[in-house]
Every structure is written in structure tokens, then in C-alpha cells.
């Protein structure tokens, strides 16, 4: 990865990784050329982890929402069942057949 690309993605990187990219950019060309591939892997893995974390957070948010709907549906179903039982008992008291 070339140095300008590393500098371009530093806005979305954590501060410590951005600081490391800036330190690599400040090195003499001979040292920088040896560290750029390593820095590239660090940047790529950091971005990949961030994407994965975002996907997990979105999935958890969706799961929480789905759970709220399921709990609502369960409570509604229980209310309907209890109302039906009550109506059935009112129409046919237990002593009658």
C-alpha cells in the first residue's frame, strides 16, 4: 500500500493507528518502504474489524427489535387466549354440560 492511501484512510481509523501511520509517513524512504506493507495489513485488519463490529451491532439491534415484536405478539396471544377462555367459561360454566 502506498503512503498516500494510508493517509487517506486515517480519518476512519482509531487514533493510535492514525498516529502509527503518521509516524511511518515521517520515516526516511528506506525504512518507510519496509514498514508500509506491515502498516497496510494493520490498516486493512483494523478496517475489517470495524466493518465486522458494525455488522454485529446492526444484527444485535435487529435481534432486539425482533425480540420486542415477539414479546408483543406473545402477550397479545396470551390476552386473546385468556379472553377466549373467559368467554367460554361465561357461556358454559363448569357445572353445566
N, C-alpha and C. Protein backbone atom coordinates (compact mmCIF):
# COMPACT_ATOMS: atom_id res chain seq x y z
N UNK A 1 0.86 -1.18 0.00
CA UNK A 1 0.00 0.00 0.00
C UNK A 1 0.89 1.22 0.00
N UNK A 2 0.54 2.17 -0.80
CA UNK A 2 1.33 3.39 -0.85
C UNK A 2 0.96 4.29 0.31
N UNK A 3 1.86 5.15 0.65
CA UNK A 3 1.66 6.02 1.80
C UNK A 3 0.47 6.94 1.66
N UNK A 4 0.19 7.53 0.49
CA UNK A 4 -0.98 8.39 0.39
C UNK A 4 -2.28 7.66 0.71
N UNK A 5 -2.39 6.39 0.33
CA UNK A 5 -3.61 5.65 0.63
C UNK A 5 -3.76 5.45 2.13
N UNK A 6 -2.65 5.17 2.82
CA UNK A 6 -2.70 5.05 4.28
C UNK A 6 -3.16 6.36 4.88
N UNK A 7 -2.61 7.45 4.41
CA UNK A 7 -3.00 8.76 4.94
C UNK A 7 -4.47 9.03 4.65
N UNK A 8 -4.97 8.56 3.51
CA UNK A 8 -6.36 8.83 3.13
C UNK A 8 -7.35 8.11 4.04
N UNK A 9 -6.98 6.95 4.57
CA UNK A 9 -7.93 6.19 5.39
C UNK A 9 -7.77 6.47 6.88
N UNK A 10 -6.83 7.33 7.25
CA UNK A 10 -6.61 7.55 8.67
C UNK A 10 -7.79 8.21 9.36
N UNK A 11 -8.67 8.91 8.59
CA UNK A 11 -9.81 9.55 9.23
C UNK A 11 -10.73 8.52 9.88
N UNK A 12 -10.85 7.34 9.31
CA UNK A 12 -11.76 6.35 9.85
C UNK A 12 -11.06 5.35 10.78
N UNK A 13 -9.81 5.54 11.04
CA UNK A 13 -9.04 4.64 11.89
C UNK A 13 -9.00 5.16 13.32
N UNK A 14 -8.79 4.26 14.28
CA UNK A 14 -8.60 4.70 15.65
C UNK A 14 -7.36 5.60 15.75
N UNK A 15 -7.34 6.43 16.76
CA UNK A 15 -6.26 7.40 16.90
C UNK A 15 -4.88 6.75 16.96
N UNK A 16 -4.75 5.65 17.69
CA UNK A 16 -3.43 5.02 17.78
C UNK A 16 -2.93 4.52 16.43
N UNK A 17 -3.83 3.99 15.61
CA UNK A 17 -3.44 3.52 14.27
C UNK A 17 -3.12 4.72 13.38
N UNK A 18 -3.89 5.79 13.51
CA UNK A 18 -3.60 7.01 12.75
C UNK A 18 -2.24 7.59 13.14
N UNK A 19 -1.96 7.57 14.44
CA UNK A 19 -0.66 8.05 14.91
C UNK A 19 0.48 7.19 14.35
N UNK A 20 0.26 5.89 14.32
CA UNK A 20 1.27 4.99 13.77
C UNK A 20 1.48 5.26 12.28
N UNK A 21 0.38 5.48 11.54
CA UNK A 21 0.50 5.79 10.11
C UNK A 21 1.28 7.09 9.91
N UNK A 22 1.02 8.07 10.75
CA UNK A 22 1.74 9.34 10.64
C UNK A 22 3.23 9.14 10.95
N UNK A 23 3.53 8.30 11.94
CA UNK A 23 4.93 8.03 12.28
C UNK A 23 5.64 7.31 11.14
N UNK A 24 4.95 6.37 10.51
CA UNK A 24 5.54 5.66 9.37
C UNK A 24 5.76 6.64 8.22
N UNK A 25 4.82 7.54 8.01
CA UNK A 25 4.95 8.52 6.93
C UNK A 25 6.14 9.45 7.15
N UNK A 26 6.50 9.67 8.41
CA UNK A 26 7.59 10.60 8.72
C UNK A 26 8.97 9.93 8.61
N UNK A 27 9.01 8.63 8.43
CA UNK A 27 10.30 7.92 8.37
C UNK A 27 11.00 8.17 7.03
N UNK A 28 12.31 7.99 7.02
CA UNK A 28 13.03 8.05 5.74
C UNK A 28 12.52 6.96 4.80
N UNK A 29 12.65 7.20 3.51
CA UNK A 29 12.09 6.31 2.49
C UNK A 29 12.54 4.87 2.65
N UNK A 30 13.80 4.62 3.01
CA UNK A 30 14.29 3.24 3.13
C UNK A 30 13.56 2.48 4.24
N UNK A 31 13.29 3.12 5.36
CA UNK A 31 12.57 2.48 6.47
C UNK A 31 11.07 2.43 6.18
N UNK A 32 10.58 3.49 5.59
CA UNK A 32 9.16 3.56 5.28
C UNK A 32 8.77 2.45 4.31
N UNK A 33 9.60 2.18 3.32
CA UNK A 33 9.26 1.15 2.34
C UNK A 33 9.20 -0.24 2.98
N UNK A 34 9.97 -0.45 4.03
CA UNK A 34 9.92 -1.74 4.74
C UNK A 34 8.68 -1.84 5.63
N UNK A 35 8.23 -0.72 6.16
CA UNK A 35 7.10 -0.74 7.09
C UNK A 35 5.74 -0.56 6.42
N UNK A 36 5.72 -0.02 5.22
CA UNK A 36 4.44 0.21 4.55
C UNK A 36 3.61 -1.06 4.36
N UNK A 37 4.20 -2.19 3.94
CA UNK A 37 3.38 -3.41 3.82
C UNK A 37 2.78 -3.84 5.16
N UNK A 38 3.56 -3.72 6.22
CA UNK A 38 3.04 -4.07 7.54
C UNK A 38 1.93 -3.11 7.95
N UNK A 39 2.16 -1.83 7.69
CA UNK A 39 1.16 -0.82 8.02
C UNK A 39 -0.11 -1.08 7.22
N UNK A 40 0.05 -1.47 5.98
CA UNK A 40 -1.10 -1.78 5.14
C UNK A 40 -1.94 -2.90 5.74
N UNK A 41 -1.28 -3.95 6.22
CA UNK A 41 -2.00 -5.06 6.84
C UNK A 41 -2.71 -4.62 8.10
N UNK A 42 -2.07 -3.77 8.90
CA UNK A 42 -2.69 -3.26 10.12
C UNK A 42 -3.94 -2.44 9.77
N UNK A 43 -3.81 -1.57 8.78
CA UNK A 43 -4.94 -0.74 8.36
C UNK A 43 -6.07 -1.61 7.83
N UNK A 44 -5.74 -2.57 6.99
CA UNK A 44 -6.77 -3.46 6.43
C UNK A 44 -7.47 -4.25 7.53
N UNK A 45 -6.72 -4.82 8.45
CA UNK A 45 -7.35 -5.61 9.52
C UNK A 45 -8.18 -4.73 10.44
N UNK A 46 -7.72 -3.51 10.68
CA UNK A 46 -8.49 -2.58 11.52
C UNK A 46 -9.81 -2.23 10.84
N UNK A 47 -9.76 -1.95 9.55
CA UNK A 47 -10.98 -1.63 8.83
C UNK A 47 -11.92 -2.83 8.77
N UNK A 48 -11.36 -4.03 8.58
CA UNK A 48 -12.18 -5.24 8.54
C UNK A 48 -12.86 -5.48 9.89
N UNK A 49 -12.10 -5.30 10.98
CA UNK A 49 -12.69 -5.47 12.31
C UNK A 49 -13.80 -4.45 12.55
N UNK A 50 -13.59 -3.23 12.09
CA UNK A 50 -14.62 -2.20 12.27
C UNK A 50 -15.88 -2.57 11.48
N UNK A 51 -15.72 -3.06 10.24
CA UNK A 51 -16.88 -3.49 9.46
C UNK A 51 -17.60 -4.65 10.15
N UNK A 52 -16.84 -5.60 10.66
CA UNK A 52 -17.44 -6.74 11.35
C UNK A 52 -18.18 -6.26 12.59
N UNK A 53 -17.57 -5.37 13.35
CA UNK A 53 -18.22 -4.84 14.54
C UNK A 53 -19.51 -4.12 14.18
N UNK A 54 -19.50 -3.34 13.12
CA UNK A 54 -20.72 -2.66 12.68
C UNK A 54 -21.80 -3.66 12.28
N UNK A 55 -21.41 -4.72 11.58
CA UNK A 55 -22.38 -5.74 11.20
C UNK A 55 -22.97 -6.43 12.42
N UNK A 56 -22.12 -6.73 13.40
CA UNK A 56 -22.60 -7.38 14.63
C UNK A 56 -23.54 -6.44 15.38
N UNK A 57 -23.18 -5.16 15.47
CA UNK A 57 -24.05 -4.20 16.15
C UNK A 57 -25.39 -4.07 15.45
N UNK A 58 -25.39 -4.04 14.12
CA UNK A 58 -26.65 -3.98 13.38
C UNK A 58 -27.48 -5.24 13.61
N UNK A 59 -26.82 -6.39 13.60
CA UNK A 59 -27.53 -7.65 13.83
C UNK A 59 -28.13 -7.68 15.23
N UNK A 60 -27.39 -7.21 16.22
CA UNK A 60 -27.92 -7.17 17.59
C UNK A 60 -29.10 -6.21 17.70
N UNK A 61 -29.01 -5.08 17.03
CA UNK A 61 -30.13 -4.13 17.05
C UNK A 61 -31.36 -4.76 16.42
N UNK A 62 -31.17 -5.45 15.30
CA UNK A 62 -32.29 -6.11 14.65
C UNK A 62 -32.85 -7.22 15.54
N UNK A 63 -31.97 -7.96 16.21
CA UNK A 63 -32.42 -9.01 17.11
C UNK A 63 -33.24 -8.44 18.26
N UNK A 64 -32.78 -7.31 18.82
CA UNK A 64 -33.54 -6.67 19.90
C UNK A 64 -34.93 -6.25 19.42
N UNK A 65 -34.99 -5.67 18.24
CA UNK A 65 -36.27 -5.26 17.69
C UNK A 65 -37.17 -6.48 17.45
N UNK A 66 -36.60 -7.53 16.87
CA UNK A 66 -37.37 -8.75 16.63
C UNK A 66 -37.89 -9.33 17.95
N UNK A 67 -37.06 -9.30 18.98
CA UNK A 67 -37.49 -9.80 20.29
C UNK A 67 -38.64 -8.97 20.85
N UNK A 68 -38.59 -7.66 20.68
CA UNK A 68 -39.69 -6.81 21.15
C UNK A 68 -40.99 -7.17 20.44
N UNK A 69 -40.91 -7.39 19.13
CA UNK A 69 -42.11 -7.79 18.39
C UNK A 69 -42.61 -9.15 18.85
N UNK A 70 -41.71 -10.08 19.08
CA UNK A 70 -42.11 -11.41 19.54
C UNK A 70 -42.76 -11.36 20.91
N UNK A 71 -42.20 -10.57 21.82
CA UNK A 71 -42.79 -10.43 23.15
C UNK A 71 -44.17 -9.79 23.04
N UNK A 72 -44.29 -8.76 22.20
CA UNK A 72 -45.60 -8.13 21.99
C UNK A 72 -46.60 -9.15 21.46
N UNK A 73 -46.19 -9.92 20.44
CA UNK A 73 -47.09 -10.93 19.88
C UNK A 73 -47.47 -11.98 20.92
N UNK A 74 -46.51 -12.40 21.73
CA UNK A 74 -46.79 -13.40 22.76
C UNK A 74 -47.80 -12.86 23.77
N UNK A 75 -47.59 -11.62 24.21
CA UNK A 75 -48.52 -11.03 25.18
C UNK A 75 -49.90 -10.87 24.57
N UNK A 76 -49.99 -10.47 23.31
CA UNK A 76 -51.29 -10.33 22.64
C UNK A 76 -51.97 -11.70 22.52
N UNK A 77 -51.20 -12.71 22.17
CA UNK A 77 -51.76 -14.06 22.05
C UNK A 77 -52.27 -14.55 23.40
N UNK A 78 -51.53 -14.29 24.46
CA UNK A 78 -51.98 -14.68 25.80
C UNK A 78 -53.26 -13.95 26.19
N UNK A 79 -53.33 -12.65 25.88
CA UNK A 79 -54.55 -11.89 26.19
C UNK A 79 -55.74 -12.46 25.43
N UNK A 80 -55.50 -12.77 24.15
CA UNK A 80 -56.58 -13.35 23.35
C UNK A 80 -57.01 -14.71 23.91
N UNK A 81 -56.05 -15.53 24.29
CA UNK A 81 -56.36 -16.85 24.87
C UNK A 81 -57.16 -16.69 26.15
N UNK A 82 -56.71 -15.78 27.02
CA UNK A 82 -57.41 -15.58 28.29
C UNK A 82 -58.82 -15.05 28.07
N UNK A 83 -58.98 -14.15 27.10
CA UNK A 83 -60.31 -13.62 26.80
C UNK A 83 -61.20 -14.72 26.25
N UNK A 84 -60.67 -15.57 25.39
CA UNK A 84 -61.44 -16.68 24.84
C UNK A 84 -61.84 -17.64 25.94
N UNK A 85 -60.92 -17.95 26.84
CA UNK A 85 -61.25 -18.83 27.97
C UNK A 85 -62.35 -18.22 28.83
N UNK A 86 -62.24 -16.93 29.08
CA UNK A 86 -63.23 -16.26 29.91
C UNK A 86 -64.60 -16.30 29.23
N UNK A 87 -64.63 -16.02 27.93
CA UNK A 87 -65.90 -16.09 27.19
C UNK A 87 -66.47 -17.49 27.18
N UNK A 88 -65.61 -18.48 27.02
CA UNK A 88 -66.05 -19.88 27.01
C UNK A 88 -66.60 -20.26 28.37
N UNK A 89 -65.93 -19.85 29.44
CA UNK A 89 -66.41 -20.17 30.80
C UNK A 89 -67.72 -19.44 31.10
N UNK A 90 -67.87 -18.22 30.59
CA UNK A 90 -69.12 -17.49 30.80
C UNK A 90 -70.27 -18.15 30.08
N UNK A 91 -70.00 -18.68 28.88
CA UNK A 91 -71.04 -19.34 28.10
C UNK A 91 -71.38 -20.73 28.65
N UNK A 92 -70.37 -21.42 29.17
CA UNK A 92 -70.55 -22.79 29.67
C UNK A 92 -69.89 -22.92 31.04
N UNK A 93 -70.58 -22.55 32.10
CA UNK A 93 -69.98 -22.71 33.44
C UNK A 93 -69.59 -24.17 33.67
N UNK A 94 -68.64 -24.41 34.50
CA UNK A 94 -68.08 -25.75 34.70
C UNK A 94 -69.09 -26.77 35.20
N UNK A 95 -70.05 -26.35 35.94
CA UNK A 95 -71.03 -27.29 36.47
C UNK A 95 -72.01 -27.78 35.44
N UNK A 96 -72.15 -27.04 34.29
CA UNK A 96 -73.12 -27.43 33.27
C UNK A 96 -72.47 -28.25 32.18
N UNK A 97 -73.23 -29.10 31.58
CA UNK A 97 -72.81 -29.86 30.39
C UNK A 97 -73.97 -30.16 29.54
